Amino acid sequence: MPTIVGRALVSLVAAPLLVDGLLQVVSPPMLVRVLTEVGFAADAGPTLGMVTLSCAVLLAIPQTKLLGAVLTTGFLGGAICAHLRVGEMGSPPQLLCLVLGLAMWTGLFLADPRLRGLLFLQRTV
């Protein structure tokens, strides 16, 4: 049962990352405005979108999920830092990134016994 819940959590993180990546590639005017407010160049959307899509795809593929999780953690941390830099401490985008990161790692922890072993949280008999 924990494996199913874990996989579902990871999928629930990968899905919005895919949508966000696609939106960034398309770069509608509203998104361009938000990117420039946070300090990115107006034409950075497609590049950020490709990075987001890469993280999401790697996270969604079982064989590359740990690499995807590490890259996604870095990406989400960068997003949190970008908002912090412009004085948006505790903003909804920061909180969303934090929740996505926690959900992703909780899901991986539940889905992969090897990860639980690496974190030394299993009892040794």
PDB file of N, CA and C in Angstrom:
ATOM      1  N   MET A   1       0.807  -1.213   0.000  1.00  0.00           N
ATOM      2  CA  MET A   1       0.000   0.000   0.000  1.00  0.00           C
ATOM      3  C   MET A   1       0.845   1.269   0.000  1.00  0.00           C
ATOM      4  N   PRO A   2       1.928   1.348   0.823  1.00  0.00           N
ATOM      5  CA  PRO A   2       2.740   2.568   0.777  1.00  0.00           C
ATOM      6  C   PRO A   2       3.320   2.834  -0.613  1.00  0.00           C
ATOM      7  N   THR A   3       3.630   1.763  -1.361  1.00  0.00           N
ATOM      8  CA  THR A   3       4.189   1.939  -2.698  1.00  0.00           C
ATOM      9  C   THR A   3       3.195   2.628  -3.611  1.00  0.00           C
ATOM     10  N   ILE A   4       1.930   2.243  -3.550  1.00  0.00           N
ATOM     11  CA  ILE A   4       0.903   2.850  -4.398  1.00  0.00           C
ATOM     12  C   ILE A   4       0.706   4.312  -4.027  1.00  0.00           C
ATOM     13  N   VAL A   5       0.648   4.600  -2.745  1.00  0.00           N
ATOM     14  CA  VAL A   5       0.484   5.982  -2.283  1.00  0.00           C
ATOM     15  C   VAL A   5       1.694   6.814  -2.704  1.00  0.00           C
ATOM     16  N   GLY A   6       2.874   6.242  -2.563  1.00  0.00           N
ATOM     17  CA  GLY A   6       4.094   6.945  -2.949  1.00  0.00           C
ATOM     18  C   GLY A   6       4.118   7.272  -4.429  1.00  0.00           C
ATOM     19  N   ARG A   7       3.777   6.299  -5.257  1.00  0.00           N
ATOM     20  CA  ARG A   7       3.744   6.542  -6.707  1.00  0.00           C
ATOM     21  C   ARG A   7       2.703   7.595  -7.065  1.00  0.00           C
ATOM     22  N   ALA A   8       1.573   7.566  -6.375  1.00  0.00           N
ATOM     23  CA  ALA A   8       0.530   8.567  -6.634  1.00  0.00           C
ATOM     24  C   ALA A   8       1.026   9.965  -6.274  1.00  0.00           C
ATOM     25  N   LEU A   9       1.725  10.091  -5.147  1.00  0.00           N
ATOM     26  CA  LEU A   9       2.262  11.402  -4.745  1.00  0.00           C
ATOM     27  C   LEU A   9       3.261  11.918  -5.768  1.00  0.00           C
ATOM     28  N   VAL A  10       4.147  11.044  -6.230  1.00  0.00           N
ATOM     29  CA  VAL A  10       5.138  11.461  -7.223  1.00  0.00           C
ATOM     30  C   VAL A  10       4.430  11.883  -8.512  1.00  0.00           C
ATOM     31  N   SER A  11       3.405  11.161  -8.901  1.00  0.00           N
ATOM     32  CA  SER A  11       2.637  11.530 -10.097  1.00  0.00           C
ATOM     33  C   SER A  11       1.919  12.861  -9.912  1.00  0.00           C
ATOM     34  N   LEU A  12       1.427  13.103  -8.700  1.00  0.00           N
ATOM     35  CA  LEU A  12       0.747  14.376  -8.425  1.00  0.00           C
ATOM     36  C   LEU A  12       1.721  15.557  -8.448  1.00  0.00           C
ATOM     37  N   VAL A  13       2.990  15.298  -8.276  1.00  0.00           N
ATOM     38  CA  VAL A  13       3.989  16.356  -8.401  1.00  0.00           C
ATOM     39  C   VAL A  13       4.403  16.519  -9.862  1.00  0.00           C
ATOM     40  N   ALA A  14       4.585  15.410 -10.553  1.00  0.00           N
ATOM     41  CA  ALA A  14       5.023  15.476 -11.955  1.00  0.00           C
ATOM     42  C   ALA A  14       3.973  16.156 -12.843  1.00  0.00           C
ATOM     43  N   ALA A  15       2.704  15.939 -12.566  1.00  0.00           N
ATOM     44  CA  ALA A  15       1.638  16.491 -13.421  1.00  0.00           C
ATOM     45  C   ALA A  15       1.652  18.025 -13.460  1.00  0.00           C
ATOM     46  N   PRO A  16       1.639  18.719 -12.316  1.00  0.00           N
ATOM     47  CA  PRO A  16       1.675  20.180 -12.422  1.00  0.00           C
ATOM     48  C   PRO A  16       2.996  20.710 -12.991  1.00  0.00           C
ATOM     49  N   LEU A  17       4.091  19.977 -12.787  1.00  0.00           N
ATOM     50  CA  LEU A  17       5.348  20.394 -13.392  1.00  0.00           C
ATOM     51  C   LEU A  17       5.266  20.311 -14.914  1.00  0.00           C
ATOM     52  N   LEU A  18       4.606  19.271 -15.423  1.00  0.00           N
ATOM     53  CA  LEU A  18       4.421  19.151 -16.872  1.00  0.00           C
ATOM     54  C   LEU A  18       3.582  20.308 -17.408  1.00  0.00           C
ATOM     55  N   VAL A  19       2.491  20.605 -16.729  1.00  0.00           N
ATOM     56  CA  VAL A  19       1.623  21.706 -17.156  1.00  0.00           C
ATOM     57  C   VAL A  19       2.377  23.030 -17.095  1.00  0.00           C
ATOM     58  N   ASP A  20       3.100  23.260 -16.002  1.00  0.00           N
ATOM     59  CA  ASP A  20       3.862  24.493 -15.851  1.00  0.00           C
ATOM     60  C   ASP A  20       4.921  24.613 -16.944  1.00  0.00           C
ATOM     61  N   GLY A  21       5.613  23.511 -17.230  1.00  0.00           N
ATOM     62  CA  GLY A  21       6.629  23.526 -18.281  1.00  0.00           C
ATOM     63  C   GLY A  21       6.041  23.852 -19.639  1.00  0.00           C
ATOM     64  N   LEU A  22       4.902  23.259 -19.944  1.00  0.00           N
ATOM     65  CA  LEU A  22       4.247  23.556 -21.224  1.00  0.00           C
ATOM     66  C   LEU A  22       3.825  25.015 -21.300  1.00  0.00           C
ATOM     67  N   LEU A  23       3.286  25.549 -20.208  1.00  0.00           N
ATOM     68  CA  LEU A  23       2.901  26.967 -20.192  1.00  0.00           C
ATOM     69  C   LEU A  23       4.117  27.869 -20.371  1.00  0.00           C
ATOM     70  N   GLN A  24       5.222  27.519 -19.743  1.00  0.00           N
ATOM     71  CA  GLN A  24       6.420  28.331 -19.880  1.00  0.00           C
ATOM     72  C   GLN A  24       6.961  28.299 -21.303  1.00  0.00           C
ATOM     73  N   VAL A  25       6.867  27.157 -21.957  1.00  0.00           N
ATOM     74  CA  VAL A  25       7.317  27.070 -23.347  1.00  0.00           C
ATOM     75  C   VAL A  25       6.462  27.971 -24.234  1.00  0.00           C
ATOM     76  N   VAL A  26       5.154  27.971 -24.002  1.00  0.00           N
ATOM     77  CA  VAL A  26       4.236  28.810 -24.785  1.00  0.00           C
ATOM     78  C   VAL A  26       4.403  30.284 -24.408  1.00  0.00           C
ATOM     79  N   SER A  27       4.699  30.555 -23.155  1.00  0.00           N
ATOM     80  CA  SER A  27       4.924  31.901 -22.619  1.00  0.00           C
ATOM     81  C   SER A  27       3.803  32.896 -22.918  1.00  0.00           C
ATOM     82  N   PRO A  28       2.615  32.675 -22.341  1.00  0.00           N
ATOM     83  CA  PRO A  28       1.553  33.675 -22.506  1.00  0.00           C
ATOM     84  C   PRO A  28       1.962  34.976 -21.810  1.00  0.00           C
ATOM     85  N   PRO A  29       1.387  36.104 -22.224  1.00  0.00           N
ATOM     86  CA  PRO A  29       1.785  37.411 -21.677  1.00  0.00           C
ATOM     87  C   PRO A  29       1.746  37.484 -20.149  1.00  0.00           C
ATOM     88  N   MET A  30       0.746  36.868 -19.528  1.00  0.00           N
ATOM     89  CA  MET A  30       0.660  36.899 -18.064  1.00  0.00           C
ATOM     90  C   MET A  30       1.897  36.255 -17.431  1.00  0.00           C
ATOM     91  N   LEU A  31       2.337  35.138 -17.995  1.00  0.00           N
ATOM     92  CA  LEU A  31       3.506  34.439 -17.465  1.00  0.00           C
ATOM     93  C   LEU A  31       4.775  35.257 -17.697  1.00  0.00           C
ATOM     94  N   VAL A  32       4.882  35.895 -18.847  1.00  0.00           N
ATOM     95  CA  VAL A  32       6.038  36.750 -19.129  1.00  0.00           C
ATOM     96  C   VAL A  32       6.103  37.886 -18.108  1.00  0.00           C
ATOM     97  N   ARG A  33       4.958  38.461 -17.781  1.00  0.00           N
ATOM     98  CA  ARG A  33       4.904  39.540 -16.790  1.00  0.00           C
ATOM     99  C   ARG A  33       5.390  39.047 -15.430  1.00  0.00           C
ATOM    100  N   VAL A  34       4.937  37.869 -15.015  1.00  0.00           N
ATOM    101  CA  VAL A  34       5.343  37.318 -13.720  1.00  0.00           C
ATOM    102  C   VAL A  34       6.846  37.026 -13.713  1.00  0.00           C
ATOM    103  N   LEU A  35       7.361  36.467 -14.791  1.00  0.00           N
ATOM    104  CA  LEU A  35       8.791  36.176 -14.865  1.00  0.00           C
ATOM    105  C   LEU A  35       9.623  37.451 -14.745  1.00  0.00           C
ATOM    106  N   THR A  36       9.199  38.505 -15.424  1.00  0.00           N
ATOM    107  CA  THR A  36       9.965  39.758 -15.361  1.00  0.00           C
ATOM    108  C   THR A  36       9.860  40.391 -13.977  1.00  0.00           C
ATOM    109  N   GLU A  37       8.720  40.241 -13.300  1.00  0.00           N
ATOM    110  CA  GLU A  37       8.580  40.776 -11.945  1.00  0.00           C
ATOM    111  C   GLU A  37       9.532  40.102 -10.966  1.00  0.00           C
ATOM    112  N   VAL A  38       9.827  38.837 -11.225  1.00  0.00           N
ATOM    113  CA  VAL A  38      10.718  38.087 -10.338  1.00  0.00           C
ATOM    114  C   VAL A  38      12.185  38.308 -10.725  1.00  0.00           C
ATOM    115  N   GLY A  39      12.419  38.938 -11.879  1.00  0.00           N
ATOM    116  CA  GLY A  39      13.783  39.277 -12.253  1.00  0.00           C
ATOM    117  C   GLY A  39      14.355  38.498 -13.418  1.00  0.00           C
ATOM    118  N   PHE A  40      13.547  37.692 -14.085  1.00  0.00           N
ATOM    119  CA  PHE A  40      14.024  36.955 -15.249  1.00  0.00           C
ATOM    120  C   PHE A  40      13.823  37.785 -16.508  1.00  0.00           C
ATOM    121  N   ALA A  41      14.591  37.468 -17.535  1.00  0.00           N
ATOM    122  CA  ALA A  41      14.411  38.125 -18.829  1.00  0.00           C
ATOM    123  C   ALA A  41      13.064  37.715 -19.411  1.00  0.00           C
ATOM    124  N   ALA A  42      12.475  38.595 -20.192  1.00  0.00           N
ATOM    125  CA  ALA A  42      11.151  38.329 -20.764  1.00  0.00           C
ATOM    126  C   ALA A  42      11.145  37.095 -21.661  1.00  0.00           C
ATOM    127  N   ASP A  43      12.279  36.781 -22.261  1.00  0.00           N
ATOM    128  CA  ASP A  43      12.336  35.633 -23.170  1.00  0.00           C
ATOM    129  C   ASP A  43      12.859  34.351 -22.500  1.00  0.00           C
ATOM    130  N   ALA A  44      12.896  34.327 -21.179  1.00  0.00           N
ATOM    131  CA  ALA A  44      13.408  33.162 -20.447  1.00  0.00           C
ATOM    132  C   ALA A  44      12.392  32.032 -20.336  1.00  0.00           C
ATOM    133  N   GLY A  45      11.125  32.291 -20.626  1.00  0.00           N
ATOM    134  CA  GLY A  45      10.075  31.294 -20.454  1.00  0.00           C
ATOM    135  C   GLY A  45      10.332  29.967 -21.142  1.00  0.00           C
ATOM    136  N   PRO A  46      10.627  29.970 -22.447  1.00  0.00           N
ATOM    137  CA  PRO A  46      10.852  28.680 -23.116  1.00  0.00           C
ATOM    138  C   PRO A  46      12.021  27.878 -22.536  1.00  0.00           C
ATOM    139  N   THR A  47      13.091  28.562 -22.150  1.00  0.00           N
ATOM    140  CA  THR A  47      14.234  27.853 -21.557  1.00  0.00           C
ATOM    141  C   THR A  47      13.840  27.259 -20.211  1.00  0.00           C
ATOM    142  N   LEU A  48      13.190  28.054 -19.373  1.00  0.00           N
ATOM    143  CA  LEU A  48      12.721  27.531 -18.087  1.00  0.00           C
ATOM    144  C   LEU A  48      11.718  26.400 -18.291  1.00  0.00           C
ATOM    145  N   GLY A  49      10.896  26.527 -19.313  1.00  0.00           N
ATOM    146  CA  GLY A  49       9.922  25.485 -19.623  1.00  0.00           C
ATOM    147  C   GLY A  49      10.586  24.168 -19.971  1.00  0.00           C
ATOM    148  N   MET A  50      11.652  24.225 -20.746  1.00  0.00           N
ATOM    149  CA  MET A  50      12.355  22.992 -21.107  1.00  0.00           C
ATOM    150  C   MET A  50      13.019  22.351 -19.885  1.00  0.00           C
ATOM    151  N   VAL A  51      13.541  23.177 -18.995  1.00  0.00           N
ATOM    152  CA  VAL A  51      14.128  22.644 -17.756  1.00  0.00           C
ATOM    153  C   VAL A  51      13.031  21.990 -16.910  1.00  0.00           C
ATOM    154  N   THR A  52      11.898  22.671 -16.780  1.00  0.00           N
ATOM    155  CA  THR A  52      10.780  22.133 -15.996  1.00  0.00           C
ATOM    156  C   THR A  52      10.280  20.825 -16.599  1.00  0.00           C
ATOM    157  N   LEU A  53      10.113  20.803 -17.917  1.00  0.00           N
ATOM    158  CA  LEU A  53       9.653  19.580 -18.584  1.00  0.00           C
ATOM    159  C   LEU A  53      10.652  18.442 -18.405  1.00  0.00           C
ATOM    160  N   SER A  54      11.934  18.749 -18.481  1.00  0.00           N
ATOM    161  CA  SER A  54      12.957  17.712 -18.287  1.00  0.00           C
ATOM    162  C   SER A  54      12.873  17.122 -16.888  1.00  0.00           C
ATOM    163  N   CYS A  55      12.736  17.989 -15.890  1.00  0.00           N
ATOM    164  CA  CYS A  55      12.602  17.506 -14.507  1.00  0.00           C
ATOM    165  C   CYS A  55      11.366  16.628 -14.355  1.00  0.00           C
ATOM    166  N   ALA A  56      10.246  17.084 -14.906  1.00  0.00           N
ATOM    167  CA  ALA A  56       8.987  16.349 -14.774  1.00  0.00           C
ATOM    168  C   ALA A  56       9.053  14.988 -15.458  1.00  0.00           C
ATOM    169  N   VAL A  57       9.627  14.943 -16.649  1.00  0.00           N
ATOM    170  CA  VAL A  57       9.720  13.675 -17.380  1.00  0.00           C
ATOM    171  C   VAL A  57      10.638  12.707 -16.653  1.00  0.00           C
ATOM    172  N   LEU A  58      11.796  13.188 -16.199  1.00  0.00           N
ATOM    173  CA  LEU A  58      12.697  12.313 -15.449  1.00  0.00           C
ATOM    174  C   LEU A  58      12.044  11.805 -14.164  1.00  0.00           C
ATOM    175  N   LEU A  59      11.261  12.646 -13.521  1.00  0.00           N
ATOM    176  CA  LEU A  59      10.561  12.250 -12.301  1.00  0.00           C
ATOM    177  C   LEU A  59       9.485  11.208 -12.587  1.00  0.00           C
ATOM    178  N   ALA A  60       8.840  11.321 -13.731  1.00  0.00           N
ATOM    179  CA  ALA A  60       7.728  10.423 -14.063  1.00  0.00           C
ATOM    180  C   ALA A  60       8.193   9.041 -14.523  1.00  0.00           C
ATOM    181  N   ILE A  61       9.415   8.919 -15.002  1.00  0.00           N
ATOM    182  CA  ILE A  61       9.929   7.629 -15.476  1.00  0.00           C
ATOM    183  C   ILE A  61      10.516   6.875 -14.277  1.00  0.00           C
ATOM    184  N   PRO A  62      10.005   5.672 -13.989  1.00  0.00           N
ATOM    185  CA  PRO A  62      10.465   4.950 -12.789  1.00  0.00           C
ATOM    186  C   PRO A  62      11.981   4.763 -12.712  1.00  0.00           C
ATOM    187  N   GLN A  63      12.631   4.489 -13.831  1.00  0.00           N
ATOM    188  CA  GLN A  63      14.068   4.241 -13.808  1.00  0.00           C
ATOM    189  C   GLN A  63      14.886   5.504 -13.542  1.00  0.00           C
ATOM    190  N   THR A  64      14.324   6.675 -13.780  1.00  0.00           N
ATOM    191  CA  THR A  64      15.071   7.927 -13.603  1.00  0.00           C
ATOM    192  C   THR A  64      14.457   8.826 -12.536  1.00  0.00           C
ATOM    193  N   LYS A  65      13.564   8.267 -11.722  1.00  0.00           N
ATOM    194  CA  LYS A  65      12.830   9.104 -10.767  1.00  0.00           C
ATOM    195  C   LYS A  65      13.731   9.766  -9.729  1.00  0.00           C
ATOM    196  N   LEU A  66      14.792   9.089  -9.288  1.00  0.00           N
ATOM    197  CA  LEU A  66      15.664   9.701  -8.289  1.00  0.00           C
ATOM    198  C   LEU A  66      16.469  10.854  -8.886  1.00  0.00           C
ATOM    199  N   LEU A  67      16.967  10.688 -10.094  1.00  0.00           N
ATOM    200  CA  LEU A  67      17.640  11.790 -10.773  1.00  0.00           C
ATOM    201  C   LEU A  67      16.661  12.942 -10.973  1.00  0.00           C
ATOM    202  N   GLY A  68      15.447  12.612 -11.402  1.00  0.00           N
ATOM    203  CA  GLY A  68      14.421  13.641 -11.570  1.00  0.00           C
ATOM    204  C   GLY A  68      14.115  14.353 -10.266  1.00  0.00           C
ATOM    205  N   ALA A  69      14.106  13.619  -9.174  1.00  0.00           N
ATOM    206  CA  ALA A  69      13.822  14.230  -7.869  1.00  0.00           C
ATOM    207  C   ALA A  69      14.931  15.183  -7.442  1.00  0.00           C
ATOM    208  N   VAL A  70      16.174  14.791  -7.673  1.00  0.00           N
ATOM    209  CA  VAL A  70      17.286  15.665  -7.314  1.00  0.00           C
ATOM    210  C   VAL A  70      17.242  16.943  -8.160  1.00  0.00           C
ATOM    211  N   LEU A  71      17.032  16.794  -9.462  1.00  0.00           N
ATOM    212  CA  LEU A  71      16.959  17.965 -10.339  1.00  0.00           C
ATOM    213  C   LEU A  71      15.745  18.835 -10.011  1.00  0.00           C
ATOM    214  N   THR A  72      14.620  18.196  -9.728  1.00  0.00           N
ATOM    215  CA  THR A  72      13.415  18.950  -9.367  1.00  0.00           C
ATOM    216  C   THR A  72      13.614  19.707  -8.063  1.00  0.00           C
ATOM    217  N   THR A  73      14.307  19.089  -7.109  1.00  0.00           N
ATOM    218  CA  THR A  73      14.601  19.773  -5.849  1.00  0.00           C
ATOM    219  C   THR A  73      15.413  21.034  -6.107  1.00  0.00           C
ATOM    220  N   GLY A  74      16.412  20.931  -6.965  1.00  0.00           N
ATOM    221  CA  GLY A  74      17.207  22.103  -7.316  1.00  0.00           C
ATOM    222  C   GLY A  74      16.380  23.165  -8.012  1.00  0.00           C
ATOM    223  N   PHE A  75      15.517  22.739  -8.913  1.00  0.00           N
ATOM    224  CA  PHE A  75      14.667  23.678  -9.646  1.00  0.00           C
ATOM    225  C   PHE A  75      13.700  24.387  -8.702  1.00  0.00           C
ATOM    226  N   LEU A  76      13.055  23.615  -7.832  1.00  0.00           N
ATOM    227  CA  LEU A  76      12.114  24.220  -6.884  1.00  0.00           C
ATOM    228  C   LEU A  76      12.835  25.140  -5.904  1.00  0.00           C
ATOM    229  N   GLY A  77      14.026  24.750  -5.486  1.00  0.00           N
ATOM    230  CA  GLY A  77      14.818  25.608  -4.608  1.00  0.00           C
ATOM    231  C   GLY A  77      15.184  26.917  -5.286  1.00  0.00           C
ATOM    232  N   GLY A  78      15.508  26.853  -6.568  1.00  0.00           N
ATOM    233  CA  GLY A  78      15.794  28.070  -7.324  1.00  0.00           C
ATOM    234  C   GLY A  78      14.581  28.974  -7.432  1.00  0.00           C
ATOM    235  N   ALA A  79      13.419  28.371  -7.615  1.00  0.00           N
ATOM    236  CA  ALA A  79      12.187  29.162  -7.684  1.00  0.00           C
ATOM    237  C   ALA A  79      11.908  29.838  -6.337  1.00  0.00           C
ATOM    238  N   ILE A  80      12.114  29.110  -5.259  1.00  0.00           N
ATOM    239  CA  ILE A  80      11.928  29.697  -3.922  1.00  0.00           C
ATOM    240  C   ILE A  80      12.897  30.852  -3.727  1.00  0.00           C
ATOM    241  N   CYS A  81      14.139  30.655  -4.136  1.00  0.00           N
ATOM    242  CA  CYS A  81      15.160  31.693  -3.990  1.00  0.00           C
ATOM    243  C   CYS A  81      14.833  32.926  -4.840  1.00  0.00           C
ATOM    244  N   ALA A  82      14.327  32.715  -6.049  1.00  0.00           N
ATOM    245  CA  ALA A  82      13.984  33.843  -6.920  1.00  0.00           C
ATOM    246  C   ALA A  82      12.916  34.720  -6.274  1.00  0.00           C
ATOM    247  N   HIS A  83      11.932  34.099  -5.664  1.00  0.00           N
ATOM    248  CA  HIS A  83      10.879  34.877  -5.005  1.00  0.00           C
ATOM    249  C   HIS A  83      11.392  35.542  -3.727  1.00  0.00           C
ATOM    250  N   LEU A  84      12.277  34.868  -3.017  1.00  0.00           N
ATOM    251  CA  LEU A  84      12.863  35.450  -1.815  1.00  0.00           C
ATOM    252  C   LEU A  84      13.693  36.683  -2.162  1.00  0.00           C
ATOM    253  N   ARG A  85      14.395  36.621  -3.287  1.00  0.00           N
ATOM    254  CA  ARG A  85      15.256  37.718  -3.715  1.00  0.00           C
ATOM    255  C   ARG A  85      14.486  39.007  -3.954  1.00  0.00           C
ATOM    256  N   VAL A  86      13.226  38.896  -4.377  1.00  0.00           N
ATOM    257  CA  VAL A  86      12.420  40.097  -4.624  1.00  0.00           C
ATOM    258  C   VAL A  86      11.508  40.424  -3.446  1.00  0.00           C
ATOM    259  N   GLY A  87      11.779  39.828  -2.299  1.00  0.00           N
ATOM    260  CA  GLY A  87      11.045  40.182  -1.084  1.00  0.00           C
ATOM    261  C   GLY A  87       9.714  39.487  -0.901  1.00  0.00           C
ATOM    262  N   GLU A  88       9.525  38.358  -1.532  1.00  0.00           N
ATOM    263  CA  GLU A  88       8.256  37.632  -1.416  1.00  0.00           C
ATOM    264  C   GLU A  88       8.392  36.439  -0.473  1.00  0.00           C
ATOM    265  N   MET A  89       8.824  36.696   0.736  1.00  0.00           N
ATOM    266  CA  MET A  89       8.964  35.617   1.720  1.00  0.00           C
ATOM    267  C   MET A  89       7.595  35.065   2.092  1.00  0.00           C
ATOM    268  N   GLY A  90       7.417  33.759   1.949  1.00  0.00           N
ATOM    269  CA  GLY A  90       6.149  33.131   2.295  1.00  0.00           C
ATOM    270  C   GLY A  90       5.060  33.339   1.258  1.00  0.00           C
ATOM    271  N   SER A  91       5.443  33.687   0.038  1.00  0.00           N
ATOM    272  CA  SER A  91       4.454  33.921  -1.013  1.00  0.00           C
ATOM    273  C   SER A  91       3.842  32.590  -1.466  1.00  0.00           C
ATOM    274  N   PRO A  92       2.656  32.643  -2.080  1.00  0.00           N
ATOM    275  CA  PRO A  92       2.042  31.401  -2.576  1.00  0.00           C
ATOM    276  C   PRO A  92       2.953  30.587  -3.497  1.00  0.00           C
ATOM    277  N   PRO A  93       3.701  31.210  -4.439  1.00  0.00           N
ATOM    278  CA  PRO A  93       4.591  30.374  -5.248  1.00  0.00           C
ATOM    279  C   PRO A  93       5.664  29.672  -4.421  1.00  0.00           C
ATOM    280  N   GLN A  94       6.190  30.347  -3.405  1.00  0.00           N
ATOM    281  CA  GLN A  94       7.183  29.704  -2.548  1.00  0.00           C
ATOM    282  C   GLN A  94       6.574  28.528  -1.790  1.00  0.00           C
ATOM    283  N   LEU A  95       5.409  28.747  -1.235  1.00  0.00           N
ATOM    284  CA  LEU A  95       4.750  27.678  -0.478  1.00  0.00           C
ATOM    285  C   LEU A  95       4.395  26.503  -1.384  1.00  0.00           C
ATOM    286  N   LEU A  96       3.959  26.788  -2.608  1.00  0.00           N
ATOM    287  CA  LEU A  96       3.641  25.719  -3.555  1.00  0.00           C
ATOM    288  C   LEU A  96       4.891  24.905  -3.875  1.00  0.00           C
ATOM    289  N   CYS A  97       6.012  25.580  -4.109  1.00  0.00           N
ATOM    290  CA  CYS A  97       7.266  24.865  -4.375  1.00  0.00           C
ATOM    291  C   CYS A  97       7.657  23.994  -3.189  1.00  0.00           C
ATOM    292  N   LEU A  98       7.501  24.518  -1.997  1.00  0.00           N
ATOM    293  CA  LEU A  98       7.827  23.757  -0.798  1.00  0.00           C
ATOM    294  C   LEU A  98       6.934  22.524  -0.664  1.00  0.00           C
ATOM    295  N   VAL A  99       5.643  22.703  -0.873  1.00  0.00           N
ATOM    296  CA  VAL A  99       4.701  21.588  -0.781  1.00  0.00           C
ATOM    297  C   VAL A  99       4.997  20.536  -1.849  1.00  0.00           C
ATOM    298  N   LEU A 100       5.282  20.992  -3.084  1.00  0.00           N
ATOM    299  CA  LEU A 100       5.610  20.039  -4.149  1.00  0.00           C
ATOM    300  C   LEU A 100       6.865  19.241  -3.806  1.00  0.00           C
ATOM    301  N   GLY A 101       7.878  19.914  -3.281  1.00  0.00           N
ATOM    302  CA  GLY A 101       9.100  19.212  -2.910  1.00  0.00           C
ATOM    303  C   GLY A 101       8.880  18.201  -1.792  1.00  0.00           C
ATOM    304  N   LEU A 102       8.140  18.602  -0.784  1.00  0.00           N
ATOM    305  CA  LEU A 102       7.842  17.674   0.322  1.00  0.00           C
ATOM    306  C   LEU A 102       7.005  16.495  -0.151  1.00  0.00           C
ATOM    307  N   ALA A 103       6.017  16.750  -0.989  1.00  0.00           N
ATOM    308  CA  ALA A 103       5.180  15.662  -1.515  1.00  0.00           C
ATOM    309  C   ALA A 103       6.008  14.706  -2.370  1.00  0.00           C
ATOM    310  N   MET A 104       6.883  15.271  -3.177  1.00  0.00           N
ATOM    311  CA  MET A 104       7.718  14.442  -4.052  1.00  0.00           C
ATOM    312  C   MET A 104       8.613  13.506  -3.238  1.00  0.00           C
ATOM    313  N   TRP A 105       9.322  14.058  -2.252  1.00  0.00           N
ATOM    314  CA  TRP A 105      10.229  13.226  -1.466  1.00  0.00           C
ATOM    315  C   TRP A 105       9.473  12.260  -0.558  1.00  0.00           C
ATOM    316  N   THR A 106       8.312  12.669  -0.053  1.00  0.00           N
ATOM    317  CA  THR A 106       7.482  11.740   0.728  1.00  0.00           C
ATOM    318  C   THR A 106       7.032  10.587  -0.153  1.00  0.00           C
ATOM    319  N   GLY A 107       6.608  10.897  -1.367  1.00  0.00           N
ATOM    320  CA  GLY A 107       6.192   9.856  -2.305  1.00  0.00           C
ATOM    321  C   GLY A 107       7.321   8.911  -2.645  1.00  0.00           C
ATOM    322  N   LEU A 108       8.506   9.450  -2.905  1.00  0.00           N
ATOM    323  CA  LEU A 108       9.652   8.596  -3.205  1.00  0.00           C
ATOM    324  C   LEU A 108      10.024   7.729  -2.012  1.00  0.00           C
ATOM    325  N   PHE A 109       9.957   8.307  -0.831  1.00  0.00           N
ATOM    326  CA  PHE A 109      10.252   7.561   0.390  1.00  0.00           C
ATOM    327  C   PHE A 109       9.286   6.386   0.548  1.00  0.00           C
ATOM    328  N   LEU A 110       8.010   6.631   0.289  1.00  0.00           N
ATOM    329  CA  LEU A 110       7.009   5.566   0.420  1.00  0.00           C
ATOM    330  C   LEU A 110       7.123   4.533  -0.695  1.00  0.00           C
ATOM    331  N   ALA A 111       7.502   4.969  -1.893  1.00  0.00           N
ATOM    332  CA  ALA A 111       7.493   4.075  -3.053  1.00  0.00           C
ATOM    333  C   ALA A 111       8.758   3.239  -3.183  1.00  0.00           C
ATOM    334  N   ASP A 112       9.850   3.681  -2.600  1.00  0.00           N
ATOM    335  CA  ASP A 112      11.132   3.015  -2.854  1.00  0.00           C
ATOM    336  C   ASP A 112      11.809   2.596  -1.554  1.00  0.00           C
ATOM    337  N   PRO A 113      11.806   1.294  -1.259  1.00  0.00           N
ATOM    338  CA  PRO A 113      12.435   0.822  -0.025  1.00  0.00           C
ATOM    339  C   PRO A 113      13.940   1.116   0.022  1.00  0.00           C
ATOM    340  N   ARG A 114      14.583   1.206  -1.143  1.00  0.00           N
ATOM    341  CA  ARG A 114      16.021   1.525  -1.158  1.00  0.00           C
ATOM    342  C   ARG A 114      16.278   2.910  -0.577  1.00  0.00           C
ATOM    343  N   LEU A 115      15.379   3.833  -0.860  1.00  0.00           N
ATOM    344  CA  LEU A 115      15.532   5.192  -0.332  1.00  0.00           C
ATOM    345  C   LEU A 115      15.363   5.199   1.183  1.00  0.00           C
ATOM    346  N   ARG A 116      14.405   4.431   1.665  1.00  0.00           N
ATOM    347  CA  ARG A 116      14.230   4.336   3.118  1.00  0.00           C
ATOM    348  C   ARG A 116      15.488   3.786   3.771  1.00  0.00           C
ATOM    349  N   GLY A 117      16.129   2.822   3.124  1.00  0.00           N
ATOM    350  CA  GLY A 117      17.368   2.261   3.653  1.00  0.00           C
ATOM    351  C   GLY A 117      18.508   3.270   3.664  1.00  0.00           C
ATOM    352  N   LEU A 118      18.558   4.121   2.648  1.00  0.00           N
ATOM    353  CA  LEU A 118      19.599   5.141   2.582  1.00  0.00           C
ATOM    354  C   LEU A 118      19.441   6.177   3.685  1.00  0.00           C
ATOM    355  N   LEU A 119      18.220   6.435   4.078  1.00  0.00           N
ATOM    356  CA  LEU A 119      17.966   7.455   5.092  1.00  0.00           C
ATOM    357  C   LEU A 119      18.069   6.924   6.511  1.00  0.00           C
ATOM    358  N   PHE A 120      18.416   5.664   6.666  1.00  0.00           N
ATOM    359  CA  PHE A 120      18.622   5.049   7.979  1.00  0.00           C
ATOM    360  C   PHE A 120      17.385   5.137   8.859  1.00  0.00           C
ATOM    361  N   LEU A 121      16.221   5.097   8.256  1.00  0.00           N
ATOM    362  CA  LEU A 121      14.997   5.169   9.042  1.00  0.00           C
ATOM    363  C   LEU A 121      14.341   3.817   9.223  1.00  0.00           C
ATOM    364  N   GLN A 122      14.967   2.769   8.710  1.00  0.00           N
ATOM    365  CA  GLN A 122      14.425   1.443   8.894  1.00  0.00           C
ATOM    366  C   GLN A 122      15.081   0.798  10.098  1.00  0.00           C
ATOM    367  N   ARG A 123      14.325  -0.006  10.743  1.00  0.00           N
ATOM    368  CA  ARG A 123      14.885  -0.758  11.874  1.00  0.00           C
ATOM    369  C   ARG A 123      15.718  -1.897  11.340  1.00  0.00           C
ATOM    370  N   THR A 124      16.806  -2.149  12.001  1.00  0.00           N
ATOM    371  CA  THR A 124      17.593  -3.327  11.671  1.00  0.00           C
ATOM    372  C   THR A 124      17.263  -4.401  12.685  1.00  0.00           C
ATOM    373  N   VAL A 125      17.039  -5.595  12.197  1.00  0.00           N
ATOM    374  CA  VAL A 125      16.617  -6.686  13.072  1.00  0.00           C
ATOM    375  C   VAL A 125      17.786  -7.474  13.555  1.00  0.00           C
TER     376      VAL A 125
END
